[in-house]
C-alpha atoms as a PDB file:
ATOM      1  CA  MET A   1       0.130  -0.001  -0.081  1.00  0.00           C
ATOM      2  CA  ALA A   2       1.249   3.657  -0.807  1.00  0.00           C
ATOM      3  CA  PRO A   3       1.944   6.150   1.992  1.00  0.00           C
ATOM      4  CA  PRO A   4      -0.213   8.668   2.659  1.00  0.00           C
ATOM      5  CA  ARG A   5       0.832  12.153   0.253  1.00  0.00           C
ATOM      6  CA  HIS A   6       0.840  14.379   3.103  1.00  0.00           C
ATOM      7  CA  ARG A   7       2.320  13.079   6.473  1.00  0.00           C
ATOM      8  CA  ALA A   8       0.354  13.987   9.694  1.00  0.00           C
ATOM      9  CA  ARG A   9       1.408  16.959  11.790  1.00  0.00           C
ATOM     10  CA  GLY A  10       3.145  14.906  14.291  1.00  0.00           C
ATOM     11  CA  PHE A  11       5.473  13.722  12.118  1.00  0.00           C
ATOM     12  CA  SER A  12       7.557  17.017  11.434  1.00  0.00           C
ATOM     13  CA  ARG A  13       8.720  18.526  14.631  1.00  0.00           C
ATOM     14  CA  ARG A  14       9.216  21.846  12.385  1.00  0.00           C
ATOM     15  CA  LEU A  15       5.718  22.408  11.845  1.00  0.00           C
ATOM     16  CA  GLN A  16       5.032  21.434  15.610  1.00  0.00           C
ATOM     17  CA  TYR A  17       7.336  24.597  17.089  1.00  0.00           C
ATOM     18  CA  SER A  18       6.048  26.603  14.771  1.00  0.00           C
ATOM     19  CA  LEU A  19       2.499  26.269  15.736  1.00  0.00           C
ATOM     20  CA  PHE A  20       3.709  26.763  19.257  1.00  0.00           C
ATOM     21  CA  PHE A  21       5.808  29.521  19.344  1.00  0.00           C
ATOM     22  CA  GLY A  22       2.942  31.271  17.476  1.00  0.00           C
ATOM     23  CA  TYR A  23       0.518  29.902  20.312  1.00  0.00           C
ATOM     24  CA  VAL A  24       2.613  31.496  22.902  1.00  0.00           C
ATOM     25  CA  ALA A  25       2.988  35.315  20.643  1.00  0.00           C
ATOM     26  CA  ALA A  26      -0.611  35.188  20.190  1.00  0.00           C
ATOM     27  CA  ILE A  27      -0.872  34.638  24.410  1.00  0.00           C
ATOM     28  CA  VAL A  28       1.477  36.939  25.140  1.00  0.00           C
ATOM     29  CA  GLY A  29      -0.158  39.697  23.193  1.00  0.00           C
ATOM     30  CA  VAL A  30      -3.274  39.286  24.529  1.00  0.00           C
ATOM     31  CA  VAL A  31      -1.533  39.941  27.844  1.00  0.00           C
ATOM     32  CA  VAL A  32      -0.107  42.698  26.964  1.00  0.00           C
ATOM     33  CA  GLY A  33      -2.285  44.439  25.275  1.00  0.00           C
ATOM     34  CA  LEU A  34      -5.210  43.611  28.302  1.00  0.00           C
ATOM     35  CA  GLY A  35      -2.009  44.944  30.673  1.00  0.00           C
ATOM     36  CA  LEU A  36      -1.173  47.539  28.984  1.00  0.00           C
ATOM     37  CA  VAL A  37      -5.497  48.561  28.898  1.00  0.00           C
ATOM     38  CA  LEU A  38      -5.498  47.548  32.471  1.00  0.00           C
ATOM     39  CA  VAL A  39      -2.420  50.338  33.514  1.00  0.00           C
ATOM     40  CA  ALA A  40      -3.667  52.445  31.287  1.00  0.00           C
ATOM     41  CA  ARG A  41      -7.223  52.705  33.002  1.00  0.00           C
ATOM     42  CA  PHE A  42      -5.991  52.609  36.813  1.00  0.00           C
ATOM     43  CA  ASP A  43      -2.926  54.009  37.017  1.00  0.00           C
ATOM     44  CA  PRO A  44      -2.186  56.865  33.869  1.00  0.00           C
ATOM     45  CA  ILE A  45       1.068  57.633  34.977  1.00  0.00           C
ATOM     46  CA  ALA A  46       2.660  54.193  34.493  1.00  0.00           C
ATOM     47  CA  PHE A  47       1.037  54.126  31.800  1.00  0.00           C
ATOM     48  CA  GLN A  48       2.820  57.929  30.316  1.00  0.00           C
ATOM     49  CA  GLY A  49       6.122  56.370  31.597  1.00  0.00           C
ATOM     50  CA  ILE A  50       5.705  53.092  28.732  1.00  0.00           C
ATOM     51  CA  ARG A  51       4.633  55.523  25.692  1.00  0.00           C
ATOM     52  CA  GLY A  52       7.962  57.537  26.609  1.00  0.00           C
ATOM     53  CA  LEU A  53       9.642  54.182  27.090  1.00  0.00           C
ATOM     54  CA  ALA A  54       7.880  53.337  23.669  1.00  0.00           C
ATOM     55  CA  LEU A  55       8.980  56.542  21.897  1.00  0.00           C
ATOM     56  CA  ASP A  56      12.599  56.574  23.022  1.00  0.00           C
ATOM     57  CA  LEU A  57      13.153  52.658  21.102  1.00  0.00           C
ATOM     58  CA  THR A  58      11.392  54.392  18.212  1.00  0.00           C
ATOM     59  CA  ALA A  59      13.152  57.391  17.766  1.00  0.00           C
ATOM     60  CA  PRO A  60      15.961  55.814  16.106  1.00  0.00           C
ATOM     61  CA  VAL A  61      14.379  54.033  14.189  1.00  0.00           C
ATOM     62  CA  SER A  62      11.957  57.380  12.812  1.00  0.00           C
ATOM     63  CA  THR A  63      14.805  58.840  13.004  1.00  0.00           C
ATOM     64  CA  ALA A  64      17.002  56.749  10.496  1.00  0.00           C
ATOM     65  CA  LEU A  65      14.132  56.729   8.582  1.00  0.00           C
ATOM     66  CA  GLY A  66      12.489  59.924   9.043  1.00  0.00           C
ATOM     67  CA  PRO A  67      15.240  61.262   5.905  1.00  0.00           C
ATOM     68  CA  VAL A  68      14.205  58.183   3.810  1.00  0.00           C
ATOM     69  CA  ALA A  69      11.004  58.936   4.052  1.00  0.00           C
ATOM     70  CA  ARG A  70      11.825  62.647   2.847  1.00  0.00           C
ATOM     71  CA  GLY A  71      13.315  61.482  -0.114  1.00  0.00           C
ATOM     72  CA  GLY A  72      10.654  59.415  -1.401  1.00  0.00           C
ATOM     73  CA  HIS A  73       8.228  62.164  -1.330  1.00  0.00           C
ATOM     74  CA  GLN A  74      10.606  64.387  -2.342  1.00  0.00           C
ATOM     75  CA  ILE A  75      11.212  61.918  -4.651  1.00  0.00           C
ATOM     76  CA  GLY A  76       7.791  61.611  -6.119  1.00  0.00           C
ATOM     77  CA  GLN A  77       6.586  65.511  -6.065  1.00  0.00           C
ATOM     78  CA  GLU A  78       9.768  66.027  -8.253  1.00  0.00           C
ATOM     79  CA  MET A  79       8.065  62.942 -10.443  1.00  0.00           C
ATOM     80  CA  GLY A  80       4.928  64.820 -10.801  1.00  0.00           C
ATOM     81  CA  ASP A  81       6.308  67.922 -11.385  1.00  0.00           C
ATOM     82  CA  TYR A  82       8.194  66.429 -14.193  1.00  0.00           C
ATOM     83  CA  LEU A  83       4.933  65.349 -15.723  1.00  0.00           C
ATOM     84  CA  GLN A  84       3.085  68.101 -14.918  1.00  0.00           C
ATOM     85  CA  ALA A  85       5.455  70.555 -16.024  1.00  0.00           C
ATOM     86  CA  ALA A  86       5.429  68.626 -19.974  1.00  0.00           C
ATOM     87  CA  SER A  87       2.148  68.751 -20.187  1.00  0.00           C
ATOM     88  CA  ASP A  88       2.592  72.583 -18.705  1.00  0.00           C
ATOM     89  CA  ASN A  89       5.215  72.730 -21.738  1.00  0.00           C
ATOM     90  CA  ARG A  90       2.496  71.034 -24.235  1.00  0.00           C
ATOM     91  CA  ARG A  91       0.089  73.659 -23.741  1.00  0.00           C
ATOM     92  CA  LEU A  92       2.116  77.127 -23.341  1.00  0.00           C
ATOM     93  CA  ARG A  93       3.808  76.006 -26.771  1.00  0.00           C
ATOM     94  CA  ALA A  94      -0.312  75.305 -28.429  1.00  0.00           C
ATOM     95  CA  GLU A  95      -0.696  78.661 -27.023  1.00  0.00           C
ATOM     96  CA  LEU A  96       2.305  79.874 -28.091  1.00  0.00           C
ATOM     97  CA  ALA A  97       1.519  79.271 -31.740  1.00  0.00           C
ATOM     98  CA  VAL A  98      -2.429  80.641 -31.508  1.00  0.00           C
ATOM     99  CA  ALA A  99      -0.510  83.805 -30.163  1.00  0.00           C
ATOM    100  CA  ARG A 100       1.713  83.984 -33.039  1.00  0.00           C
ATOM    101  CA  ARG A 101      -0.977  82.991 -35.918  1.00  0.00           C
ATOM    102  CA  GLN A 102      -2.662  86.241 -34.300  1.00  0.00           C
ATOM    103  CA  LEU A 103      -0.060  87.825 -34.311  1.00  0.00           C
ATOM    104  CA  ILE A 104       0.807  87.733 -37.616  1.00  0.00           C
ATOM    105  CA  GLN A 105      -3.188  88.277 -38.582  1.00  0.00           C
ATOM    106  CA  ALA A 106      -3.185  91.236 -36.587  1.00  0.00           C
ATOM    107  CA  ARG A 107       0.169  92.651 -37.858  1.00  0.00           C
ATOM    108  CA  VAL A 108      -1.769  92.247 -42.091  1.00  0.00           C
ATOM    109  CA  LEU A 109      -4.774  93.869 -40.616  1.00  0.00           C
ATOM    110  CA  ALA A 110      -2.941  96.645 -39.318  1.00  0.00           C
ATOM    111  CA  PHE A 111      -1.165  97.141 -42.718  1.00  0.00           C
ATOM    112  CA  GLU A 112      -4.393  96.707 -44.621  1.00  0.00           C
ATOM    113  CA  ASN A 113      -5.681  99.152 -42.002  1.00  0.00           C
ATOM    114  CA  ARG A 114      -3.301 101.534 -42.889  1.00  0.00           C
ATOM    115  CA  ARG A 115      -3.408 101.356 -46.471  1.00  0.00           C
ATOM    116  CA  LEU A 116      -7.135 101.930 -46.749  1.00  0.00           C
ATOM    117  CA  ARG A 117      -6.311 105.149 -44.216  1.00  0.00           C
ATOM    118  CA  ALA A 118      -4.195 106.638 -46.426  1.00  0.00           C
ATOM    119  CA  THR A 119      -6.371 105.763 -49.705  1.00  0.00           C
ATOM    120  CA  ALA A 120      -9.356 106.821 -47.878  1.00  0.00           C
ATOM    121  CA  ARG A 121      -7.540 110.547 -46.696  1.00  0.00           C
ATOM    122  CA  LEU A 122      -5.843 110.220 -50.625  1.00  0.00           C
ATOM    123  CA  VAL A 123      -9.918 110.428 -51.540  1.00  0.00           C
ATOM    124  CA  GLU A 124     -11.183 112.585 -49.615  1.00  0.00           C
ATOM    125  CA  GLN A 125      -8.579 115.424 -50.377  1.00  0.00           C
ATOM    126  CA  GLY A 126      -7.811 115.260 -53.961  1.00  0.00           C
ATOM    127  CA  MET A 127     -10.687 114.887 -56.510  1.00  0.00           C
ATOM    128  CA  ALA A 128     -13.072 112.571 -56.866  1.00  0.00           C
ATOM    129  CA  PRO A 129     -12.405 109.280 -58.168  1.00  0.00           C
ATOM    130  CA  VAL A 130     -13.286 106.981 -60.908  1.00  0.00           C
ATOM    131  CA  THR A 131     -12.822 103.999 -58.348  1.00  0.00           C
ATOM    132  CA  VAL A 132     -10.758 102.167 -55.960  1.00  0.00           C
ATOM    133  CA  ALA A 133      -9.658  98.339 -56.679  1.00  0.00           C
ATOM    134  CA  ARG A 134      -7.066  96.100 -56.195  1.00  0.00           C
ATOM    135  CA  ILE A 135      -4.446  95.567 -58.454  1.00  0.00           C
ATOM    136  CA  VAL A 136      -4.420  91.430 -58.834  1.00  0.00           C
ATOM    137  CA  GLY A 137      -2.190  90.957 -61.254  1.00  0.00           C
ATOM    138  CA  SER A 138       0.894  91.890 -63.404  1.00  0.00           C
ATOM    139  CA  ASP A 139       2.900  91.010 -66.244  1.00  0.00           C
ATOM    140  CA  LEU A 140       6.696  91.658 -65.873  1.00  0.00           C
ATOM    141  CA  ALA A 141       7.911  90.045 -69.497  1.00  0.00           C
ATOM    142  CA  GLY A 142      10.782  91.674 -71.291  1.00  0.00           C
ATOM    143  CA  THR A 143      11.244  95.402 -70.959  1.00  0.00           C
ATOM    144  CA  ARG A 144       7.371  95.512 -70.822  1.00  0.00           C
ATOM    145  CA  ARG A 145       5.610  96.242 -67.523  1.00  0.00           C
ATOM    146  CA  PHE A 146       1.808  95.685 -67.184  1.00  0.00           C
ATOM    147  CA  ALA A 147      -0.562  95.861 -63.961  1.00  0.00           C
ATOM    148  CA  THR A 148      -4.283  93.611 -63.591  1.00  0.00           C
ATOM    149  CA  LEU A 149      -7.154  95.896 -62.094  1.00  0.00           C
ATOM    150  CA  ALA A 150      -9.828  93.899 -60.824  1.00  0.00           C
ATOM    151  CA  ALA A 151     -11.951  97.046 -62.425  1.00  0.00           C
ATOM    152  CA  GLY A 152     -13.253  97.644 -65.887  1.00  0.00           C
ATOM    153  CA  SER A 153     -15.442  99.398 -67.843  1.00  0.00           C
ATOM    154  CA  ALA A 154     -18.901  97.985 -65.356  1.00  0.00           C
ATOM    155  CA  GLU A 155     -16.383 100.379 -62.542  1.00  0.00           C
ATOM    156  CA  GLY A 156     -16.725 103.491 -65.689  1.00  0.00           C
ATOM    157  CA  VAL A 157     -12.599 103.035 -66.128  1.00  0.00           C
ATOM    158  CA  ARG A 158     -11.806 103.923 -69.519  1.00  0.00           C
ATOM    159  CA  ALA A 159      -8.138 103.577 -71.584  1.00  0.00           C
ATOM    160  CA  GLY A 160      -5.796 106.215 -70.670  1.00  0.00           C
ATOM    161  CA  GLN A 161      -7.095 107.164 -67.357  1.00  0.00           C
ATOM    162  CA  PRO A 162      -4.110 107.734 -64.526  1.00  0.00           C
ATOM    163  CA  VAL A 163      -3.392 105.322 -62.017  1.00  0.00           C
ATOM    164  CA  ARG A 164      -2.098 105.991 -58.134  1.00  0.00           C
ATOM    165  CA  THR A 165      -1.486 104.855 -54.885  1.00  0.00           C
ATOM    166  CA  ALA A 166      -1.432 106.194 -52.091  1.00  0.00           C
ATOM    167  CA  ASP A 167       2.333 106.592 -52.436  1.00  0.00           C
ATOM    168  CA  GLY A 168       1.926 108.464 -55.790  1.00  0.00           C
ATOM    169  CA  LEU A 169       1.626 107.850 -59.339  1.00  0.00           C
ATOM    170  CA  VAL A 170       1.442 104.755 -60.997  1.00  0.00           C
ATOM    171  CA  GLY A 171       1.078 104.336 -64.894  1.00  0.00           C
ATOM    172  CA  ARG A 172      -2.221 104.881 -66.709  1.00  0.00           C
ATOM    173  CA  VAL A 173      -5.294 102.224 -68.252  1.00  0.00           C
ATOM    174  CA  ALA A 174      -4.319 100.809 -71.640  1.00  0.00           C
ATOM    175  CA  GLU A 175      -6.726  98.099 -71.707  1.00  0.00           C
ATOM    176  CA  VAL A 176     -10.553  97.408 -70.406  1.00  0.00           C
ATOM    177  CA  GLY A 177     -12.573  94.915 -70.053  1.00  0.00           C
ATOM    178  CA  ALA A 178     -15.834  94.422 -68.694  1.00  0.00           C
ATOM    179  CA  HIS A 179     -14.481  93.905 -65.048  1.00  0.00           C
ATOM    180  CA  ALA A 180     -11.055  93.971 -65.515  1.00  0.00           C
ATOM    181  CA  ALA A 181      -7.661  96.721 -66.936  1.00  0.00           C
ATOM    182  CA  ARG A 182      -4.623  96.146 -67.616  1.00  0.00           C
ATOM    183  CA  VAL A 183      -2.237  99.737 -66.518  1.00  0.00           C
ATOM    184  CA  VAL A 184       0.892 100.328 -67.893  1.00  0.00           C
ATOM    185  CA  LEU A 185       3.504 101.054 -65.313  1.00  0.00           C
ATOM    186  CA  LEU A 186       5.644 104.171 -64.538  1.00  0.00           C
ATOM    187  CA  THR A 187       8.444 101.735 -65.263  1.00  0.00           C
ATOM    188  CA  ASP A 188       7.825 100.580 -68.446  1.00  0.00           C
ATOM    189  CA  GLY A 189       9.825 100.311 -71.435  1.00  0.00           C
ATOM    190  CA  GLY A 190       6.979 102.818 -73.445  1.00  0.00           C
ATOM    191  CA  SER A 191       6.013 104.890 -70.853  1.00  0.00           C
ATOM    192  CA  ALA A 192       6.464 108.367 -71.170  1.00  0.00           C
ATOM    193  CA  VAL A 193       5.055 110.919 -68.321  1.00  0.00           C
ATOM    194  CA  PRO A 194       5.822 115.373 -68.094  1.00  0.00           C
ATOM    195  CA  LEU A 195       6.853 115.861 -64.494  1.00  0.00           C
ATOM    196  CA  ARG A 196       8.163 119.258 -62.899  1.00  0.00           C
ATOM    197  CA  VAL A 197      11.091 119.112 -60.265  1.00  0.00           C
ATOM    198  CA  VAL A 198       9.476 119.911 -56.925  1.00  0.00           C
ATOM    199  CA  ARG A 199      13.060 121.789 -56.352  1.00  0.00           C
ATOM    200  CA  THR A 200      13.519 124.149 -59.469  1.00  0.00           C
ATOM    201  CA  GLY A 201      10.054 123.917 -61.147  1.00  0.00           C
ATOM    202  CA  ALA A 202      12.196 123.132 -63.673  1.00  0.00           C
ATOM    203  CA  PRO A 203      10.304 120.695 -66.828  1.00  0.00           C
ATOM    204  CA  ALA A 204      11.453 117.217 -67.157  1.00  0.00           C
ATOM    205  CA  LEU A 205      10.146 113.685 -68.959  1.00  0.00           C
ATOM    206  CA  ALA A 206      10.253 110.560 -66.852  1.00  0.00           C
ATOM    207  CA  GLU A 207      10.878 107.272 -69.159  1.00  0.00           C
ATOM    208  CA  GLY A 208      10.333 103.764 -68.114  1.00  0.00           C
ATOM    209  CA  ARG A 209      14.018 101.296 -68.199  1.00  0.00           C
ATOM    210  CA  GLY A 210      11.693  98.561 -68.240  1.00  0.00           C
ATOM    211  CA  SER A 211      13.295  96.757 -65.561  1.00  0.00           C
ATOM    212  CA  GLY A 212      11.657  98.324 -62.679  1.00  0.00           C
ATOM    213  CA  GLN A 213      13.503 102.165 -62.602  1.00  0.00           C
ATOM    214  CA  LEU A 214      12.998 104.898 -63.770  1.00  0.00           C
ATOM    215  CA  ASP A 215      15.232 107.753 -66.395  1.00  0.00           C
ATOM    216  CA  VAL A 216      14.193 111.582 -65.583  1.00  0.00           C
ATOM    217  CA  ARG A 217      15.477 114.170 -68.319  1.00  0.00           C
ATOM    218  CA  LEU A 218      15.514 117.429 -68.242  1.00  0.00           C
ATOM    219  CA  THR A 219      13.973 119.241 -71.099  1.00  0.00           C
ATOM    220  CA  ASP A 220      14.885 123.402 -70.932  1.00  0.00           C
ATOM    221  CA  ALA A 221      18.763 122.879 -71.546  1.00  0.00           C
ATOM    222  CA  ASN A 222      18.576 126.284 -69.278  1.00  0.00           C
ATOM    223  CA  SER A 223      17.554 124.596 -66.277  1.00  0.00           C
ATOM    224  CA  PRO A 224      19.738 123.369 -63.575  1.00  0.00           C
ATOM    225  CA  PRO A 225      20.858 119.698 -63.382  1.00  0.00           C
ATOM    226  CA  LEU A 226      19.619 116.830 -61.484  1.00  0.00           C
ATOM    227  CA  ARG A 227      20.393 116.730 -57.801  1.00  0.00           C
ATOM    228  CA  ARG A 228      20.107 113.084 -55.386  1.00  0.00           C
ATOM    229  CA  GLY A 229      16.432 113.287 -53.604  1.00  0.00           C
ATOM    230  CA  ASP A 230      15.258 115.584 -55.952  1.00  0.00           C
ATOM    231  CA  LEU A 231      11.435 114.782 -55.745  1.00  0.00           C
ATOM    232  CA  VAL A 232       9.310 114.830 -59.405  1.00  0.00           C
ATOM    233  CA  VAL A 233       5.421 115.976 -59.608  1.00  0.00           C
ATOM    234  CA  THR A 234       3.194 115.294 -63.209  1.00  0.00           C
ATOM    235  CA  SER A 235       3.099 119.046 -64.629  1.00  0.00           C
ATOM    236  CA  GLY A 236      -0.396 118.372 -66.165  1.00  0.00           C
ATOM    237  CA  THR A 237       0.884 118.808 -69.647  1.00  0.00           C
ATOM    238  CA  GLY A 238      -0.412 116.765 -72.248  1.00  0.00           C
ATOM    239  CA  GLY A 239      -3.957 116.579 -70.206  1.00  0.00           C
ATOM    240  CA  VAL A 240      -3.147 113.046 -69.506  1.00  0.00           C
ATOM    241  CA  PHE A 241      -2.119 112.591 -65.980  1.00  0.00           C
ATOM    242  CA  PRO A 242      -3.165 115.692 -63.498  1.00  0.00           C
ATOM    243  CA  ALA A 243      -0.962 118.229 -61.854  1.00  0.00           C
ATOM    244  CA  ASP A 244       1.171 117.443 -58.923  1.00  0.00           C
ATOM    245  CA  LEU A 245       1.112 113.938 -58.478  1.00  0.00           C
ATOM    246  CA  PRO A 246       4.076 112.529 -56.797  1.00  0.00           C
ATOM    247  CA  VAL A 247       5.905 109.985 -59.121  1.00  0.00           C
ATOM    248  CA  ALA A 248       9.251 109.411 -58.284  1.00  0.00           C
ATOM    249  CA  ALA A 249      13.035 110.271 -56.510  1.00  0.00           C
ATOM    250  CA  ILE A 250      15.927 111.090 -57.945  1.00  0.00           C
ATOM    251  CA  THR A 251      18.520 108.668 -57.152  1.00  0.00           C
ATOM    252  CA  GLY A 252      21.560 109.916 -60.047  1.00  0.00           C
ATOM    253  CA  MET A 253      22.526 113.698 -61.173  1.00  0.00           C
ATOM    254  CA  GLY A 254      23.094 115.395 -63.774  1.00  0.00           C
ATOM    255  CA  GLU A 255      20.361 116.839 -66.837  1.00  0.00           C
ATOM    256  CA  VAL A 256      19.541 112.961 -67.063  1.00  0.00           C
ATOM    257  CA  ALA A 257      19.676 111.217 -64.164  1.00  0.00           C
ATOM    258  CA  PRO A 258      18.083 107.723 -62.650  1.00  0.00           C
ATOM    259  CA  ALA A 259      15.289 108.058 -60.134  1.00  0.00           C
ATOM    260  CA  ARG A 260      12.805 105.274 -57.840  1.00  0.00           C
ATOM    261  CA  ALA A 261       9.304 104.860 -58.887  1.00  0.00           C
ATOM    262  CA  LEU A 262       7.379 106.142 -55.432  1.00  0.00           C
ATOM    263  CA  ALA A 263       4.970 103.545 -56.101  1.00  0.00           C
ATOM    264  CA  ASP A 264       6.592 100.906 -55.727  1.00  0.00           C
ATOM    265  CA  PRO A 265       5.611  98.020 -58.502  1.00  0.00           C
ATOM    266  CA  ALA A 266       6.456  95.467 -56.040  1.00  0.00           C
ATOM    267  CA  THR A 267       4.268  96.793 -53.311  1.00  0.00           C
ATOM    268  CA  LEU A 268       0.939  97.404 -55.150  1.00  0.00           C
ATOM    269  CA  ASP A 269      -1.544  96.228 -53.642  1.00  0.00           C
ATOM    270  CA  LEU A 270      -4.891  99.016 -54.110  1.00  0.00           C
ATOM    271  CA  ALA A 271      -5.371 101.548 -56.585  1.00  0.00           C
ATOM    272  CA  ILE A 272      -6.651 104.819 -57.784  1.00  0.00           C
ATOM    273  CA  VAL A 273      -8.185 105.910 -61.075  1.00  0.00           C
ATOM    274  CA  LEU A 274      -8.445 108.538 -61.634  1.00  0.00           C
ATOM    275  CA  PRO A 275     -10.520 111.295 -64.211  1.00  0.00           C
ATOM    276  CA  LEU A 276      -7.958 112.489 -67.290  1.00  0.00           C
ATOM    277  CA  ALA A 277      -6.924 116.175 -66.372  1.00  0.00           C
ATOM    278  CA  ALA A 278      -8.520 117.110 -69.539  1.00  0.00           C
ATOM    279  CA  ALA A 279     -11.408 115.930 -71.722  1.00  0.00           C
ATOM    280  CA  PRO A 280      -9.916 114.974 -75.237  1.00  0.00           C
ATOM    281  CA  PRO A 281     -10.972 116.480 -77.996  1.00  0.00           C
ATOM    282  CA  PRO A 282     -14.159 115.106 -79.620  1.00  0.00           C
ATOM    283  CA  ILE A 283     -13.153 113.496 -82.514  1.00  0.00           C
ATOM    284  CA  ALA A 284     -14.923 115.000 -85.689  1.00  0.00           C
ATOM    285  CA  PRO A 285     -16.863 112.464 -87.720  1.00  0.00           C
ATOM    286  CA  PRO A 286     -15.685 112.396 -92.443  1.00  0.00           C
ATOM    287  CA  GLN A 287     -18.081 115.100 -93.685  1.00  0.00           C
ATOM    288  CA  GLY A 288     -19.237 113.550 -96.811  1.00  0.00           C
ATOM    289  CA  ARG A 289     -20.633 115.265 -99.919  1.00  0.00           C
ATOM    290  CA  THR A 290     -23.938 115.641 -99.513  1.00  0.00           C
ATOM    291  CA  ARG A 291     -26.184 115.888-102.790  1.00  0.00           C
END
């Protein structure tokens, strides 16, 4: 017959000793607890002494384990702060990105507001414009310099009308559609505008180079030479451009000097179409023989 799988407790001396000492410890604990309760009930002063003794016995352990506990608490707090800092960092980056976009938008709106105020002030102070429209495109092929205006015959735009911005003269209308028009810029190779030098009053002529610059030529041989920084405005000669429109600033010296257009073609956005300074005389129809 096979021996039983589990031996009885009586056959394990170690197990017997463990059970015995466990019972003894439990009984001693109960007796000590009852004793402490009785002492605390009938002799409080002695119980305070026992508590003081227990405090003295546990003080070294508390002193040794205190820094460990505080260090563990500090480490946990620092880890929590680190995780919170990472979350705060992501949140602040998102807020910074939103603020940066809002700042860019605010700058764009401020720039647009300045341009619109300047244009509105110009319209109020000058002659009544035909229309105010945006420049929506440009053509810089070869020596030709054109811009496309988002206004046409439906808005009263006609060929030959001068176009300006708040900074100065841009050019004049060359071709007109129903809702768009092509403007020949001052810097076009075929452009010519009669001018007057502000400093001396001498007559001059601005000719486009076709490269974004102008050449200003004095038309009176007795006029004093041009100087760097001289301003030139339209003279009104020819009846196309109104007088005293800002045109360019001289960047050289002599009877023929380079100049920079005050209305920079690279920054054109809003343009004002002006009426002709003097309406051209009507063309008389051919007279046929009457019978």
